[in-house]
Protein backbone atom coordinates (compact mmCIF):
# COMPACT_ATOMS: atom_id res chain seq x y z
CA MET A 1 0.00 0.00 0.00
CA THR A 2 1.27 3.48 -0.88
CA GLU A 3 2.43 5.48 2.13
CA LYS A 4 0.27 8.41 3.18
CA THR A 5 2.11 11.66 3.79
CA VAL A 6 -0.93 13.71 4.84
CA GLU A 7 -4.10 12.39 6.47
CA ILE A 8 -7.03 14.72 7.21
CA LYS A 9 -10.19 13.42 8.83
CA ASN A 10 -13.40 15.40 9.37
CA LEU A 11 -11.68 18.79 9.38
CA SER A 12 -13.89 21.80 10.08
CA TYR A 13 -12.94 25.41 10.59
CA SER A 14 -14.95 28.55 11.36
CA TYR A 15 -14.01 32.21 11.58
CA PRO A 16 -14.40 33.93 14.97
CA ASP A 17 -17.79 35.24 13.80
CA LYS A 18 -18.90 31.56 13.46
CA THR A 19 -18.87 31.62 9.64
CA ASP A 20 -18.07 28.09 8.45
CA VAL A 21 -15.08 27.97 6.08
CA LEU A 22 -14.39 24.22 6.02
CA SER A 23 -16.84 21.46 6.87
CA GLY A 24 -16.15 17.75 7.18
CA ILE A 25 -13.04 17.62 4.98
CA ASP A 26 -11.48 14.19 4.47
CA LEU A 27 -8.28 14.10 2.45
CA ASP A 28 -5.28 11.82 1.99
CA LEU A 29 -2.05 12.69 0.18
CA PHE A 30 0.22 9.84 -0.85
CA LYS A 31 3.99 9.73 -1.11
CA GLY A 32 5.18 11.26 -4.37
CA GLU A 33 1.67 12.26 -5.40
CA SER A 34 0.65 15.64 -6.79
CA LEU A 35 -2.86 16.66 -5.72
CA GLY A 36 -4.72 19.60 -7.22
CA VAL A 37 -7.19 21.54 -5.08
CA ILE A 38 -9.57 23.53 -7.25
CA GLY A 39 -12.72 25.55 -6.66
CA PRO A 40 -14.17 29.06 -6.95
CA ASN A 41 -13.08 32.05 -4.89
CA GLY A 42 -14.08 31.62 -1.26
CA ALA A 43 -14.26 27.83 -1.51
CA GLY A 44 -11.78 27.33 1.36
CA LYS A 45 -8.71 26.30 -0.63
CA SER A 46 -6.23 28.60 1.11
CA THR A 47 -7.73 27.86 4.52
CA LEU A 48 -7.25 24.14 3.91
CA LEU A 49 -3.59 24.61 2.99
CA LEU A 50 -2.90 26.64 6.13
CA HIS A 51 -3.96 23.66 8.24
CA ILE A 52 -1.30 21.39 6.74
CA ASN A 53 1.54 23.09 8.60
CA GLY A 54 -0.49 24.23 11.58
CA ILE A 55 -0.87 27.94 10.87
CA LEU A 56 -4.60 27.40 11.36
CA ARG A 57 -5.99 24.78 13.74
CA GLY A 58 -9.57 23.67 13.23
CA LYS A 59 -11.57 20.74 14.53
CA GLY A 60 -10.69 17.29 13.25
CA ASP A 61 -7.64 15.06 12.95
CA ILE A 62 -4.54 15.81 10.88
CA LYS A 63 -1.41 13.69 10.51
CA VAL A 64 1.63 14.79 8.53
CA LEU A 65 4.26 12.14 7.82
CA GLY A 66 2.78 10.10 10.64
CA LEU A 67 2.95 12.97 13.14
CA GLU A 68 -0.22 14.17 14.84
CA MET A 69 -0.79 17.88 14.37
CA SER A 70 -0.04 19.16 17.87
CA ASP A 71 2.04 21.80 19.62
CA LYS A 72 4.63 19.13 20.42
CA ASN A 73 5.10 18.14 16.77
CA LEU A 74 4.60 21.52 15.13
CA ARG A 75 8.28 22.44 14.69
CA GLN A 76 9.10 19.06 13.17
CA ILE A 77 6.10 19.19 10.83
CA ARG A 78 6.99 22.67 9.61
CA SER A 79 10.54 21.54 8.86
CA LYS A 80 9.11 18.95 6.47
CA VAL A 81 6.27 20.94 4.86
CA GLY A 82 7.19 23.77 2.53
CA LEU A 83 4.33 26.25 2.17
CA VAL A 84 4.34 28.84 -0.61
CA PHE A 85 1.80 31.57 0.14
CA GLN A 86 -0.41 33.11 -2.51
CA GLU A 87 0.90 36.59 -1.70
CA PRO A 88 4.72 36.71 -1.86
CA ASP A 89 4.92 39.70 0.48
CA ASN A 90 3.71 37.33 3.21
CA GLN A 91 6.76 35.13 2.53
CA LEU A 92 9.56 37.62 1.98
CA PHE A 93 10.63 39.64 5.00
CA MET A 94 14.43 39.88 4.87
CA PRO A 95 16.35 42.75 3.21
CA THR A 96 17.88 40.80 0.31
CA VAL A 97 16.95 37.86 -1.87
CA PHE A 98 19.88 35.84 -0.52
CA GLU A 99 18.81 36.42 3.08
CA ASP A 100 15.20 35.47 2.34
CA VAL A 101 16.16 32.20 0.66
CA ALA A 102 18.84 31.47 3.29
CA PHE A 103 16.53 32.00 6.25
CA GLY A 104 15.17 28.44 6.28
CA PRO A 105 18.47 26.62 5.76
CA ILE A 106 20.14 28.74 8.48
CA ASN A 107 17.38 27.84 10.93
CA MET A 108 17.80 24.18 10.00
CA GLY A 109 21.38 24.39 11.25
CA MET A 110 23.17 24.11 7.91
CA SER A 111 26.79 25.21 7.65
CA LYS A 112 27.70 28.42 5.81
CA ASP A 113 28.78 26.46 2.71
CA GLU A 114 25.63 24.33 2.81
CA VAL A 115 23.44 27.42 3.09
CA ASP A 116 25.22 29.08 0.19
CA GLY A 117 24.81 25.98 -1.97
CA ALA A 118 21.14 25.54 -1.07
CA VAL A 119 20.36 29.19 -1.86
CA ARG A 120 22.12 29.18 -5.20
CA GLU A 121 20.57 25.89 -6.28
CA ALA A 122 17.06 27.04 -5.32
CA LEU A 123 17.44 30.39 -7.11
CA SER A 124 18.80 28.64 -10.19
CA LYS A 125 15.69 26.45 -10.35
CA VAL A 126 13.40 29.49 -10.51
CA ASP A 127 15.64 31.44 -12.93
CA MET A 128 16.64 34.04 -10.32
CA SER A 129 20.38 33.32 -10.00
CA ASP A 130 21.30 36.87 -10.97
CA SER A 131 19.19 38.32 -8.16
CA VAL A 132 21.14 37.07 -5.13
CA LYS A 133 22.12 40.56 -3.96
CA ARG A 134 18.93 42.38 -4.95
CA LEU A 135 16.60 43.95 -2.41
CA SER A 136 13.52 41.78 -2.05
CA HIS A 137 11.12 44.73 -1.87
CA HIS A 138 12.46 46.05 -5.21
CA LEU A 139 11.43 42.91 -7.11
CA SER A 140 8.44 42.80 -9.42
CA TYR A 141 5.43 40.80 -8.25
CA GLY A 142 6.31 37.90 -10.53
CA GLU A 143 9.93 37.91 -9.34
CA LYS A 144 8.74 37.86 -5.75
CA LYS A 145 6.58 34.81 -6.57
CA ARG A 146 9.59 32.97 -7.93
CA VAL A 147 11.79 33.87 -4.95
CA SER A 148 8.99 32.72 -2.63
CA VAL A 149 9.17 29.29 -4.27
CA ALA A 150 12.95 29.33 -3.85
CA THR A 151 12.64 30.05 -0.10
CA VAL A 152 10.86 26.71 0.21
CA LEU A 153 12.95 24.69 -2.25
CA SER A 154 16.12 25.69 -0.37
CA MET A 155 14.93 23.62 2.60
CA SER A 156 14.38 20.41 0.58
CA PRO A 157 10.89 19.76 2.01
CA GLU A 158 9.25 16.34 1.91
CA ILE A 159 5.87 17.91 1.15
CA LEU A 160 5.36 21.02 -0.99
CA VAL A 161 2.17 23.05 -0.54
CA LEU A 162 1.49 25.85 -3.02
CA ASP A 163 -1.29 28.44 -3.08
CA GLU A 164 -1.90 29.89 -6.58
CA PRO A 165 1.76 29.46 -7.59
CA THR A 166 1.38 30.68 -11.20
CA SER A 167 -0.66 33.82 -10.56
CA ASN A 168 0.94 36.90 -12.15
CA LEU A 169 3.80 34.94 -13.72
CA ASP A 170 4.66 35.71 -17.32
CA PRO A 171 4.37 32.77 -19.78
CA LYS A 172 8.10 31.96 -19.73
CA HIS A 173 8.35 31.72 -15.96
CA ARG A 174 5.02 29.96 -15.66
CA ARG A 175 6.46 27.25 -17.92
CA ILE A 176 9.65 27.13 -15.82
CA LEU A 177 7.63 26.66 -12.64
CA ILE A 178 5.49 23.94 -14.22
CA GLY A 179 8.70 22.18 -15.28
CA ILE A 180 10.06 22.37 -11.72
CA LEU A 181 6.85 20.94 -10.27
CA LYS A 182 6.84 18.09 -12.79
CA GLU A 183 10.42 17.18 -11.93
CA LEU A 184 9.99 17.23 -8.15
CA LYS A 185 9.19 13.71 -6.95
CA ILE A 186 8.02 14.77 -3.50
CA SER A 187 4.37 14.97 -2.41
CA LYS A 188 2.69 18.17 -3.59
CA ILE A 189 -0.62 19.91 -2.94
CA ILE A 190 -1.41 22.72 -5.38
CA ALA A 191 -4.40 24.99 -4.82
CA THR A 192 -5.12 27.00 -7.95
CA HIS A 193 -7.52 28.39 -10.53
CA ASP A 194 -4.97 27.48 -13.22
CA LEU A 195 -6.51 24.24 -14.44
CA GLU A 196 -3.93 23.85 -17.19
CA LEU A 197 -1.28 23.78 -14.45
CA VAL A 198 -3.32 21.10 -12.68
CA SER A 199 -3.70 19.06 -15.87
CA GLU A 200 0.08 19.03 -16.38
CA THR A 201 1.24 18.44 -12.82
CA CYS A 202 -1.48 16.63 -10.84
CA SER A 203 -2.68 13.04 -11.05
CA ARG A 204 -5.63 13.59 -8.71
CA VAL A 205 -7.96 16.49 -7.95
CA ILE A 206 -10.40 17.53 -5.27
CA LEU A 207 -13.01 20.19 -6.00
CA LEU A 208 -13.94 22.40 -3.05
CA ASP A 209 -16.98 24.65 -2.89
CA LYS A 210 -18.44 26.39 0.13
CA GLY A 211 -15.97 24.59 2.36
CA LYS A 212 -16.90 21.07 1.28
CA VAL A 213 -15.39 18.48 -1.05
CA VAL A 214 -17.94 18.19 -3.86
CA ALA A 215 -15.84 15.98 -6.15
CA SER A 216 -12.67 13.94 -5.88
CA GLY A 217 -10.94 11.70 -8.36
CA ASN A 218 -8.61 11.27 -11.29
CA ALA A 219 -7.50 14.66 -12.61
CA ALA A 220 -8.23 13.83 -16.24
CA ASP A 221 -11.79 12.77 -15.43
CA ILE A 222 -12.66 15.86 -13.40
CA LEU A 223 -10.97 18.35 -15.73
CA ILE A 224 -13.05 17.25 -18.74
CA ASP A 225 -16.35 17.36 -16.87
CA ARG A 226 -17.72 20.60 -18.30
CA ILE A 227 -21.01 20.41 -16.39
CA LEU A 228 -19.28 19.83 -13.04
CA LEU A 229 -16.74 22.60 -13.55
CA GLU A 230 -19.25 25.17 -14.77
CA ALA A 231 -21.56 24.37 -11.85
CA HIS A 232 -18.75 25.55 -9.57
CA SER A 233 -17.67 28.65 -11.51
CA LEU A 234 -14.76 26.98 -13.30
CA GLU A 235 -13.94 26.48 -16.98
CA LEU A 236 -12.40 23.63 -18.91
CA PRO A 237 -8.63 23.79 -19.35
CA HIS A 238 -7.75 25.14 -22.79
CA PHE A 239 -5.42 22.33 -23.76
CA ARG A 240 -6.54 20.91 -27.09
CA GLY A 241 -6.45 17.33 -25.82
CA PHE A 242 -8.75 18.09 -22.91
CA LEU A 243 -11.18 20.01 -25.10
CA ALA A 244 -11.30 17.19 -27.63
CA LYS A 245 -12.15 14.67 -24.90
CA ALA A 246 -14.74 16.96 -23.35
CA ASP A 247 -16.54 17.53 -26.66
CA LYS A 248 -17.01 13.85 -27.40
């Protein structure tokens, strides 16, 4: 049986004003699997991701790499789960690009040479090698997105969690990021409106709406279901192969 890297059972979460955001979520992520989380705005996608490394704590049971989500295990879980926020300004807080990308490796206790190597390798993967000395707050939005991904890759996580990773990327760097995600053999959860990204990188999909899982299954099957997608404010991916299947 394939090893589970994330197990979520009956997860619910409400805002302080009692508004329900997630309700009865069951979800498993398997070792090496890429899972797409899709749904309209306000479906609860980002809220779900924030539970996987304990930033939010709702009701229900969560295990990450066999560890119960608890105060005792939180530091260890966060060392193994790399979370890329939707807004890069929430991820970048150091003066320079190097310092932002080095922050995680330094806190993991790496040596100076190891930190330097991890930073340069991560920046190379996102095509930002020439930006080592740049000021993070002087970067364009798209550049900040790419550096945000590098801050996580530099720590070699076992699970990668990404919230709208391709938003505001130009076509070239969107393709670079898709290539990186396809090459990474670790477990990945990708929450996004970019269904073409999902079709290229994810083998399985869950569709969230109003805080509930309304569909779950093989990515190819869900992404050609025009009626299902349109019922939840989504459109078919524009890849010719998907459109041909959907029109049959």
